[in-house]
Amino acid sequence: MARPFRGESTQKVDGKGRVSIPASFRRVLAAGDPNCGDGDPAEMVIVYGDHRRKFLECYTIEAIAEVEARIAKMPRGSSARRYMEKMFTGLVWETSVDGTGRLVLPKKLRDKIGIGPDTDAFFIASGDRFQIWHPETYEAEEEGYEEEIDALLPEGEDPLVLLYDGPEAV
């Protein structure tokens, strides 16, 4: 994996659907686009997916190519492959970062996650990709997720124990 995305940020969406991408995210997008020269706009792919997705998932060109390569190894004609092809090559929007570091989100994508003009968008890193959420939706999802984590990780336990893969810690 190339350089990962890290961090979170809340950004205002303007009346035209433009939102600033956090600067650290822009650097990763540029590094993950083999055709991006110095000062060129980085290209990216936004997976908006089906009705189950409450967020937009943003991939570098290299990261989405890795996903597509894994899909290509699945049995041709299988239901799983058809679903993955639809999700990661059909229900997507290819775009680039503009010269001022912004992303113009089409109305269809803004409507899908419930953000409109003059509202906030919440960005959160997720390894080789990042997600864009409506802040309230993200908070609600995280509340439910906390219960799962509590069951997985007892109170006071160091989260690094989850990285164990055998007798030695990573």
N, C-alpha and C. Protein backbone atom coordinates (compact mmCIF):
# COMPACT_ATOMS: atom_id res chain seq x y z
N MET A 1 0.85 -1.18 0.00
CA MET A 1 0.00 0.00 0.00
C MET A 1 0.89 1.24 0.00
N ALA A 2 0.48 2.21 -0.77
CA ALA A 2 1.18 3.49 -0.81
C ALA A 2 0.91 4.24 0.50
N ARG A 3 1.32 5.45 0.54
CA ARG A 3 1.12 6.29 1.72
C ARG A 3 -0.37 6.31 2.08
N PRO A 4 -0.69 6.05 3.35
CA PRO A 4 -2.11 6.02 3.74
C PRO A 4 -2.66 7.42 4.04
N PHE A 5 -3.97 7.52 3.97
CA PHE A 5 -4.66 8.71 4.44
C PHE A 5 -4.67 8.65 5.96
N ARG A 6 -4.59 9.81 6.60
CA ARG A 6 -4.63 9.86 8.06
C ARG A 6 -5.42 11.10 8.49
N GLY A 7 -6.21 10.94 9.56
CA GLY A 7 -6.88 12.07 10.16
C GLY A 7 -8.34 12.21 9.79
N GLU A 8 -8.90 13.30 10.27
CA GLU A 8 -10.30 13.63 10.01
C GLU A 8 -10.43 15.14 9.91
N SER A 9 -11.51 15.59 9.29
CA SER A 9 -11.71 17.02 9.10
C SER A 9 -13.17 17.28 8.75
N THR A 10 -13.67 18.41 9.16
CA THR A 10 -15.00 18.86 8.76
C THR A 10 -14.82 20.08 7.87
N GLN A 11 -15.47 20.04 6.71
CA GLN A 11 -15.33 21.12 5.73
C GLN A 11 -16.72 21.59 5.30
N LYS A 12 -16.83 22.87 5.01
CA LYS A 12 -18.08 23.46 4.55
C LYS A 12 -18.28 23.18 3.05
N VAL A 13 -19.50 22.80 2.69
CA VAL A 13 -19.87 22.62 1.28
C VAL A 13 -20.51 23.93 0.84
N ASP A 14 -20.03 24.50 -0.26
CA ASP A 14 -20.60 25.78 -0.70
C ASP A 14 -21.84 25.58 -1.55
N GLY A 15 -22.43 26.66 -2.00
CA GLY A 15 -23.67 26.63 -2.76
C GLY A 15 -23.59 25.89 -4.08
N LYS A 16 -22.39 25.73 -4.62
CA LYS A 16 -22.20 25.01 -5.89
C LYS A 16 -21.77 23.57 -5.68
N GLY A 17 -21.75 23.12 -4.42
CA GLY A 17 -21.37 21.74 -4.14
C GLY A 17 -19.88 21.52 -4.03
N ARG A 18 -19.12 22.60 -3.92
CA ARG A 18 -17.67 22.48 -3.80
C ARG A 18 -17.29 22.35 -2.34
N VAL A 19 -16.30 21.49 -2.09
CA VAL A 19 -15.81 21.27 -0.74
C VAL A 19 -14.29 21.12 -0.80
N SER A 20 -13.60 21.74 0.13
CA SER A 20 -12.14 21.61 0.18
C SER A 20 -11.74 20.25 0.72
N ILE A 21 -10.83 19.60 0.04
CA ILE A 21 -10.28 18.34 0.51
C ILE A 21 -9.14 18.69 1.48
N PRO A 22 -9.08 18.06 2.64
CA PRO A 22 -7.98 18.36 3.56
C PRO A 22 -6.62 18.25 2.84
N ALA A 23 -5.71 19.17 3.15
CA ALA A 23 -4.42 19.23 2.46
C ALA A 23 -3.66 17.92 2.53
N SER A 24 -3.66 17.26 3.68
CA SER A 24 -2.93 15.99 3.79
C SER A 24 -3.55 14.93 2.89
N PHE A 25 -4.85 14.96 2.70
CA PHE A 25 -5.53 14.02 1.81
C PHE A 25 -5.14 14.31 0.35
N ARG A 26 -5.03 15.60 0.00
CA ARG A 26 -4.66 15.97 -1.37
C ARG A 26 -3.28 15.43 -1.72
N ARG A 27 -2.35 15.47 -0.75
CA ARG A 27 -1.00 14.96 -1.00
C ARG A 27 -1.03 13.46 -1.29
N VAL A 28 -1.85 12.72 -0.56
CA VAL A 28 -1.96 11.27 -0.79
C VAL A 28 -2.61 11.00 -2.14
N LEU A 29 -3.64 11.77 -2.48
CA LEU A 29 -4.28 11.60 -3.79
C LEU A 29 -3.28 11.81 -4.92
N ALA A 30 -2.45 12.84 -4.80
CA ALA A 30 -1.45 13.12 -5.83
C ALA A 30 -0.42 12.00 -5.91
N ALA A 31 0.03 11.52 -4.76
CA ALA A 31 1.02 10.43 -4.74
C ALA A 31 0.43 9.14 -5.30
N GLY A 32 -0.88 8.95 -5.18
CA GLY A 32 -1.54 7.74 -5.66
C GLY A 32 -2.06 7.83 -7.08
N ASP A 33 -1.68 8.89 -7.79
CA ASP A 33 -2.08 9.05 -9.19
C ASP A 33 -0.83 9.06 -10.05
N PRO A 34 -0.54 7.94 -10.74
CA PRO A 34 0.71 7.86 -11.51
C PRO A 34 0.82 8.89 -12.64
N ASN A 35 -0.30 9.47 -13.06
CA ASN A 35 -0.28 10.47 -14.12
C ASN A 35 -0.23 11.90 -13.60
N CYS A 36 -0.15 12.06 -12.30
CA CYS A 36 -0.18 13.39 -11.70
C CYS A 36 1.24 13.94 -11.59
N GLY A 37 1.52 14.93 -12.39
CA GLY A 37 2.81 15.60 -12.33
C GLY A 37 2.77 16.72 -11.32
N ASP A 38 3.89 17.33 -11.09
CA ASP A 38 3.98 18.42 -10.13
C ASP A 38 3.04 19.55 -10.52
N GLY A 39 2.09 19.85 -9.66
CA GLY A 39 1.13 20.92 -9.90
C GLY A 39 -0.10 20.50 -10.67
N ASP A 40 -0.12 19.27 -11.19
CA ASP A 40 -1.30 18.77 -11.90
C ASP A 40 -2.39 18.38 -10.91
N PRO A 41 -3.65 18.45 -11.33
CA PRO A 41 -4.72 18.00 -10.44
C PRO A 41 -4.71 16.47 -10.32
N ALA A 42 -4.84 15.98 -9.11
CA ALA A 42 -4.89 14.53 -8.90
C ALA A 42 -6.26 14.00 -9.27
N GLU A 43 -6.26 12.85 -9.94
CA GLU A 43 -7.52 12.19 -10.24
C GLU A 43 -7.85 11.23 -9.11
N MET A 44 -9.13 10.93 -8.99
CA MET A 44 -9.60 10.03 -7.93
C MET A 44 -10.90 9.39 -8.37
N VAL A 45 -11.33 8.36 -7.63
CA VAL A 45 -12.59 7.69 -7.91
C VAL A 45 -13.40 7.68 -6.62
N ILE A 46 -14.65 8.12 -6.73
CA ILE A 46 -15.56 8.12 -5.59
C ILE A 46 -16.57 7.01 -5.80
N VAL A 47 -16.59 6.07 -4.87
CA VAL A 47 -17.57 4.98 -4.90
C VAL A 47 -18.75 5.44 -4.05
N TYR A 48 -19.92 5.57 -4.70
CA TYR A 48 -21.10 5.95 -3.92
C TYR A 48 -21.95 4.74 -3.60
N GLY A 49 -21.85 3.70 -4.39
CA GLY A 49 -22.45 2.41 -4.07
C GLY A 49 -23.96 2.39 -4.01
N ASP A 50 -24.44 1.30 -3.43
CA ASP A 50 -25.87 1.05 -3.40
C ASP A 50 -26.52 1.65 -2.15
N HIS A 51 -27.76 1.25 -1.89
CA HIS A 51 -28.55 1.82 -0.80
C HIS A 51 -27.97 1.58 0.58
N ARG A 52 -27.08 0.60 0.72
CA ARG A 52 -26.50 0.30 2.03
C ARG A 52 -25.44 1.31 2.44
N ARG A 53 -24.88 2.02 1.51
CA ARG A 53 -23.81 2.97 1.81
C ARG A 53 -24.39 4.31 2.21
N LYS A 54 -23.95 4.80 3.36
CA LYS A 54 -24.40 6.09 3.86
C LYS A 54 -23.30 7.14 3.75
N PHE A 55 -22.28 6.84 2.97
CA PHE A 55 -21.10 7.69 2.84
C PHE A 55 -20.55 7.54 1.43
N LEU A 56 -19.64 8.43 1.08
CA LEU A 56 -18.91 8.34 -0.17
C LEU A 56 -17.51 7.83 0.17
N GLU A 57 -17.00 6.89 -0.61
CA GLU A 57 -15.68 6.35 -0.34
C GLU A 57 -14.76 6.74 -1.49
N CYS A 58 -13.67 7.43 -1.15
CA CYS A 58 -12.80 8.04 -2.14
C CYS A 58 -11.48 7.30 -2.24
N TYR A 59 -11.12 6.89 -3.44
CA TYR A 59 -9.93 6.10 -3.69
C TYR A 59 -8.94 6.86 -4.58
N THR A 60 -7.65 6.62 -4.33
CA THR A 60 -6.65 7.08 -5.27
C THR A 60 -6.76 6.20 -6.51
N ILE A 61 -6.13 6.61 -7.59
CA ILE A 61 -6.14 5.82 -8.82
C ILE A 61 -5.46 4.47 -8.57
N GLU A 62 -4.35 4.47 -7.84
CA GLU A 62 -3.65 3.20 -7.55
C GLU A 62 -4.49 2.29 -6.66
N ALA A 63 -5.17 2.84 -5.67
CA ALA A 63 -5.96 2.01 -4.75
C ALA A 63 -7.16 1.38 -5.46
N ILE A 64 -7.84 2.13 -6.31
CA ILE A 64 -8.99 1.56 -7.01
C ILE A 64 -8.51 0.51 -8.02
N ALA A 65 -7.33 0.69 -8.59
CA ALA A 65 -6.77 -0.31 -9.51
C ALA A 65 -6.52 -1.63 -8.77
N GLU A 66 -6.08 -1.55 -7.51
CA GLU A 66 -5.88 -2.77 -6.72
C GLU A 66 -7.21 -3.49 -6.49
N VAL A 67 -8.26 -2.74 -6.20
CA VAL A 67 -9.58 -3.34 -6.01
C VAL A 67 -10.04 -3.99 -7.31
N GLU A 68 -9.90 -3.29 -8.42
CA GLU A 68 -10.32 -3.82 -9.71
C GLU A 68 -9.54 -5.08 -10.08
N ALA A 69 -8.26 -5.13 -9.74
CA ALA A 69 -7.45 -6.33 -10.02
C ALA A 69 -7.95 -7.53 -9.22
N ARG A 70 -8.36 -7.29 -7.99
CA ARG A 70 -8.90 -8.39 -7.17
C ARG A 70 -10.25 -8.85 -7.72
N ILE A 71 -11.07 -7.92 -8.18
CA ILE A 71 -12.35 -8.28 -8.77
C ILE A 71 -12.13 -9.13 -10.02
N ALA A 72 -11.13 -8.77 -10.83
CA ALA A 72 -10.84 -9.50 -12.07
C ALA A 72 -10.44 -10.95 -11.80
N LYS A 73 -9.99 -11.26 -10.61
CA LYS A 73 -9.59 -12.63 -10.25
C LYS A 73 -10.79 -13.47 -9.79
N MET A 74 -11.92 -12.84 -9.58
CA MET A 74 -13.11 -13.57 -9.16
C MET A 74 -13.69 -14.33 -10.35
N PRO A 75 -14.42 -15.42 -10.10
CA PRO A 75 -15.00 -16.19 -11.20
C PRO A 75 -15.93 -15.33 -12.07
N ARG A 76 -15.63 -15.30 -13.35
CA ARG A 76 -16.43 -14.52 -14.29
C ARG A 76 -17.86 -15.04 -14.28
N GLY A 77 -18.83 -14.14 -14.23
CA GLY A 77 -20.24 -14.53 -14.24
C GLY A 77 -20.82 -14.84 -12.87
N SER A 78 -19.98 -14.90 -11.85
CA SER A 78 -20.50 -15.19 -10.51
C SER A 78 -21.28 -14.00 -9.98
N SER A 79 -22.23 -14.27 -9.11
CA SER A 79 -23.02 -13.20 -8.50
C SER A 79 -22.13 -12.24 -7.73
N ALA A 80 -21.15 -12.79 -7.02
CA ALA A 80 -20.25 -11.94 -6.24
C ALA A 80 -19.47 -11.00 -7.14
N ARG A 81 -18.96 -11.52 -8.27
CA ARG A 81 -18.19 -10.66 -9.18
C ARG A 81 -19.09 -9.61 -9.80
N ARG A 82 -20.28 -9.99 -10.21
CA ARG A 82 -21.20 -9.02 -10.82
C ARG A 82 -21.50 -7.90 -9.83
N TYR A 83 -21.73 -8.27 -8.56
CA TYR A 83 -22.01 -7.26 -7.54
C TYR A 83 -20.80 -6.34 -7.35
N MET A 84 -19.62 -6.92 -7.24
CA MET A 84 -18.42 -6.11 -7.02
C MET A 84 -18.12 -5.22 -8.23
N GLU A 85 -18.34 -5.73 -9.43
CA GLU A 85 -18.14 -4.89 -10.62
C GLU A 85 -19.11 -3.72 -10.62
N LYS A 86 -20.35 -4.00 -10.28
CA LYS A 86 -21.34 -2.92 -10.22
C LYS A 86 -20.94 -1.89 -9.18
N MET A 87 -20.53 -2.37 -7.99
CA MET A 87 -20.20 -1.47 -6.90
C MET A 87 -18.96 -0.63 -7.19
N PHE A 88 -17.90 -1.24 -7.74
CA PHE A 88 -16.62 -0.56 -7.85
C PHE A 88 -16.26 -0.08 -9.26
N THR A 89 -17.10 -0.39 -10.25
CA THR A 89 -16.85 0.18 -11.58
C THR A 89 -18.10 0.86 -12.14
N GLY A 90 -19.26 0.54 -11.59
CA GLY A 90 -20.50 1.15 -12.08
C GLY A 90 -21.00 2.29 -11.21
N LEU A 91 -21.10 2.04 -9.92
CA LEU A 91 -21.65 3.04 -9.01
C LEU A 91 -20.54 3.93 -8.46
N VAL A 92 -19.82 4.54 -9.40
CA VAL A 92 -18.67 5.37 -9.08
C VAL A 92 -18.73 6.67 -9.86
N TRP A 93 -17.93 7.60 -9.42
CA TRP A 93 -17.79 8.86 -10.13
C TRP A 93 -16.31 9.19 -10.18
N GLU A 94 -15.77 9.30 -11.39
CA GLU A 94 -14.37 9.68 -11.56
C GLU A 94 -14.28 11.19 -11.61
N THR A 95 -13.30 11.73 -10.90
CA THR A 95 -13.17 13.18 -10.84
C THR A 95 -11.72 13.55 -10.55
N SER A 96 -11.47 14.82 -10.41
CA SER A 96 -10.14 15.28 -10.04
C SER A 96 -10.28 16.46 -9.08
N VAL A 97 -9.23 16.70 -8.37
CA VAL A 97 -9.17 17.82 -7.43
C VAL A 97 -8.94 19.07 -8.28
N ASP A 98 -9.69 20.13 -8.01
CA ASP A 98 -9.48 21.34 -8.81
C ASP A 98 -8.23 22.09 -8.36
N GLY A 99 -7.90 23.14 -9.07
CA GLY A 99 -6.67 23.89 -8.80
C GLY A 99 -6.59 24.53 -7.43
N THR A 100 -7.72 24.65 -6.74
CA THR A 100 -7.71 25.23 -5.40
C THR A 100 -7.86 24.18 -4.31
N GLY A 101 -7.75 22.90 -4.70
CA GLY A 101 -7.82 21.82 -3.71
C GLY A 101 -9.23 21.41 -3.34
N ARG A 102 -10.17 21.77 -4.20
CA ARG A 102 -11.56 21.44 -3.91
C ARG A 102 -12.05 20.31 -4.80
N LEU A 103 -13.14 19.74 -4.35
CA LEU A 103 -13.85 18.69 -5.05
C LEU A 103 -15.25 19.23 -5.30
N VAL A 104 -15.75 19.07 -6.51
CA VAL A 104 -17.12 19.46 -6.81
C VAL A 104 -17.95 18.18 -6.77
N LEU A 105 -18.82 18.09 -5.77
CA LEU A 105 -19.68 16.91 -5.62
C LEU A 105 -20.98 17.14 -6.38
N PRO A 106 -21.31 16.25 -7.30
CA PRO A 106 -22.58 16.39 -8.02
C PRO A 106 -23.76 16.26 -7.05
N LYS A 107 -24.88 16.86 -7.42
CA LYS A 107 -26.07 16.83 -6.59
C LYS A 107 -26.47 15.40 -6.22
N LYS A 108 -26.36 14.47 -7.15
CA LYS A 108 -26.72 13.08 -6.89
C LYS A 108 -25.93 12.52 -5.71
N LEU A 109 -24.64 12.80 -5.64
CA LEU A 109 -23.81 12.30 -4.55
C LEU A 109 -24.10 13.04 -3.25
N ARG A 110 -24.30 14.35 -3.34
CA ARG A 110 -24.65 15.12 -2.13
C ARG A 110 -25.98 14.64 -1.56
N ASP A 111 -26.96 14.42 -2.44
CA ASP A 111 -28.27 13.94 -1.99
C ASP A 111 -28.16 12.57 -1.34
N LYS A 112 -27.33 11.71 -1.89
CA LYS A 112 -27.18 10.35 -1.38
C LYS A 112 -26.77 10.34 0.08
N ILE A 113 -25.87 11.26 0.47
CA ILE A 113 -25.40 11.27 1.86
C ILE A 113 -26.02 12.39 2.69
N GLY A 114 -26.92 13.14 2.07
CA GLY A 114 -27.67 14.14 2.82
C GLY A 114 -26.94 15.44 3.12
N ILE A 115 -26.02 15.82 2.24
CA ILE A 115 -25.38 17.13 2.43
C ILE A 115 -25.84 18.06 1.32
N GLY A 116 -26.06 19.29 1.69
CA GLY A 116 -26.52 20.27 0.72
C GLY A 116 -25.63 21.49 0.75
N PRO A 117 -26.01 22.49 0.00
CA PRO A 117 -25.25 23.74 0.02
C PRO A 117 -25.20 24.32 1.43
N ASP A 118 -24.07 24.88 1.75
CA ASP A 118 -23.86 25.55 3.03
C ASP A 118 -24.04 24.63 4.23
N THR A 119 -23.73 23.34 4.06
CA THR A 119 -23.70 22.40 5.18
C THR A 119 -22.27 21.89 5.31
N ASP A 120 -22.04 21.08 6.32
CA ASP A 120 -20.72 20.50 6.53
C ASP A 120 -20.63 19.11 5.95
N ALA A 121 -19.41 18.73 5.56
CA ALA A 121 -19.09 17.36 5.16
C ALA A 121 -17.97 16.90 6.08
N PHE A 122 -18.08 15.66 6.56
CA PHE A 122 -17.09 15.11 7.46
C PHE A 122 -16.20 14.14 6.69
N PHE A 123 -14.89 14.36 6.71
CA PHE A 123 -13.91 13.52 6.05
C PHE A 123 -13.20 12.69 7.11
N ILE A 124 -13.05 11.39 6.86
CA ILE A 124 -12.28 10.54 7.76
C ILE A 124 -11.44 9.56 6.95
N ALA A 125 -10.18 9.44 7.36
CA ALA A 125 -9.24 8.54 6.69
C ALA A 125 -9.59 7.10 7.00
N SER A 126 -9.28 6.23 6.05
CA SER A 126 -9.50 4.80 6.22
C SER A 126 -8.44 4.04 5.42
N GLY A 127 -7.18 4.20 5.83
CA GLY A 127 -6.09 3.50 5.15
C GLY A 127 -5.82 4.03 3.76
N ASP A 128 -6.10 3.20 2.75
CA ASP A 128 -5.82 3.60 1.37
C ASP A 128 -6.97 4.35 0.71
N ARG A 129 -7.91 4.79 1.52
CA ARG A 129 -9.05 5.55 1.02
C ARG A 129 -9.54 6.46 2.14
N PHE A 130 -10.47 7.35 1.78
CA PHE A 130 -11.12 8.14 2.81
C PHE A 130 -12.60 8.21 2.52
N GLN A 131 -13.36 8.55 3.54
CA GLN A 131 -14.81 8.61 3.41
C GLN A 131 -15.29 10.04 3.65
N ILE A 132 -16.41 10.35 3.00
CA ILE A 132 -17.10 11.63 3.22
C ILE A 132 -18.49 11.30 3.72
N TRP A 133 -18.86 11.86 4.86
CA TRP A 133 -20.13 11.60 5.53
C TRP A 133 -20.85 12.92 5.83
N HIS A 134 -22.15 12.82 6.03
CA HIS A 134 -22.87 13.89 6.70
C HIS A 134 -22.46 13.74 8.16
N PRO A 135 -22.05 14.81 8.84
CA PRO A 135 -21.54 14.67 10.21
C PRO A 135 -22.50 13.96 11.17
N GLU A 136 -23.78 14.25 11.10
CA GLU A 136 -24.73 13.62 12.02
C GLU A 136 -24.88 12.12 11.74
N THR A 137 -24.85 11.73 10.47
CA THR A 137 -24.94 10.31 10.11
C THR A 137 -23.71 9.58 10.64
N TYR A 138 -22.55 10.19 10.49
CA TYR A 138 -21.33 9.57 10.99
C TYR A 138 -21.40 9.37 12.50
N GLU A 139 -21.82 10.39 13.21
CA GLU A 139 -21.93 10.29 14.68
C GLU A 139 -22.89 9.18 15.08
N ALA A 140 -24.02 9.07 14.42
CA ALA A 140 -25.00 8.03 14.74
C ALA A 140 -24.43 6.64 14.47
N GLU A 141 -23.73 6.48 13.35
CA GLU A 141 -23.11 5.19 13.03
C GLU A 141 -22.03 4.84 14.05
N GLU A 142 -21.27 5.81 14.47
CA GLU A 142 -20.20 5.56 15.44
C GLU A 142 -20.75 5.14 16.79
N GLU A 143 -21.91 5.65 17.19
CA GLU A 143 -22.51 5.25 18.46
C GLU A 143 -22.80 3.75 18.46
N GLY A 144 -23.34 3.23 17.37
CA GLY A 144 -23.60 1.80 17.27
C GLY A 144 -22.32 0.99 17.21
N TYR A 145 -21.32 1.54 16.57
CA TYR A 145 -20.03 0.86 16.42
C TYR A 145 -19.32 0.74 17.76
N GLU A 146 -19.50 1.73 18.63
CA GLU A 146 -18.85 1.69 19.94
C GLU A 146 -19.25 0.45 20.72
N GLU A 147 -20.48 -0.01 20.59
CA GLU A 147 -20.92 -1.23 21.27
C GLU A 147 -20.14 -2.44 20.75
N GLU A 148 -19.91 -2.50 19.44
CA GLU A 148 -19.14 -3.59 18.86
C GLU A 148 -17.71 -3.58 19.39
N ILE A 149 -17.13 -2.40 19.47
CA ILE A 149 -15.76 -2.27 19.96
C ILE A 149 -15.68 -2.66 21.43
N ASP A 150 -16.68 -2.25 22.22
CA ASP A 150 -16.68 -2.61 23.63
C ASP A 150 -16.68 -4.13 23.81
N ALA A 151 -17.38 -4.85 22.95
CA ALA A 151 -17.41 -6.31 23.03
C ALA A 151 -16.08 -6.91 22.57
N LEU A 152 -15.45 -6.26 21.63
CA LEU A 152 -14.19 -6.75 21.07
C LEU A 152 -12.99 -6.41 21.95
N LEU A 153 -13.04 -5.24 22.56
CA LEU A 153 -11.89 -4.74 23.31
C LEU A 153 -12.32 -4.34 24.71
N PRO A 154 -12.01 -5.16 25.71
CA PRO A 154 -12.42 -4.83 27.08
C PRO A 154 -11.87 -3.47 27.52
N GLU A 155 -12.61 -2.82 28.41
CA GLU A 155 -12.21 -1.50 28.91
C GLU A 155 -10.82 -1.57 29.52
N GLY A 156 -10.01 -0.59 29.19
CA GLY A 156 -8.65 -0.52 29.70
C GLY A 156 -7.64 -1.30 28.88
N GLU A 157 -8.10 -2.09 27.93
CA GLU A 157 -7.19 -2.89 27.10
C GLU A 157 -6.59 -2.01 26.01
N ASP A 158 -5.32 -2.19 25.76
CA ASP A 158 -4.62 -1.44 24.72
C ASP A 158 -5.08 -1.93 23.35
N PRO A 159 -5.53 -1.03 22.46
CA PRO A 159 -6.00 -1.45 21.14
C PRO A 159 -4.94 -2.21 20.33
N LEU A 160 -3.68 -2.05 20.65
CA LEU A 160 -2.64 -2.75 19.91
C LEU A 160 -2.74 -4.28 20.06
N VAL A 161 -3.46 -4.76 21.07
CA VAL A 161 -3.61 -6.21 21.21
C VAL A 161 -4.36 -6.80 20.02
N LEU A 162 -5.13 -5.99 19.33
CA LEU A 162 -5.87 -6.47 18.17
C LEU A 162 -4.93 -6.77 16.99
N LEU A 163 -3.71 -6.28 17.05
CA LEU A 163 -2.74 -6.52 15.98
C LEU A 163 -2.00 -7.85 16.13
N TYR A 164 -2.24 -8.56 17.21
CA TYR A 164 -1.56 -9.83 17.41
C TYR A 164 -1.92 -10.81 16.32
N ASP A 165 -0.91 -11.47 15.82
CA ASP A 165 -1.09 -12.51 14.82
C ASP A 165 -0.15 -13.63 15.20
N GLY A 166 -0.50 -14.33 16.23
CA GLY A 166 0.38 -15.37 16.73
C GLY A 166 1.00 -14.94 18.05
N PRO A 167 2.14 -15.52 18.39
CA PRO A 167 2.72 -15.29 19.71
C PRO A 167 3.37 -13.91 19.88
N GLU A 168 3.68 -13.21 18.80
CA GLU A 168 4.33 -11.90 18.94
C GLU A 168 3.45 -10.79 18.41
N ALA A 169 3.55 -9.66 19.07
CA ALA A 169 2.77 -8.49 18.62
C ALA A 169 3.45 -7.85 17.42
N VAL A 170 2.64 -7.25 16.59
CA VAL A 170 3.15 -6.52 15.44
C VAL A 170 3.59 -5.15 15.91
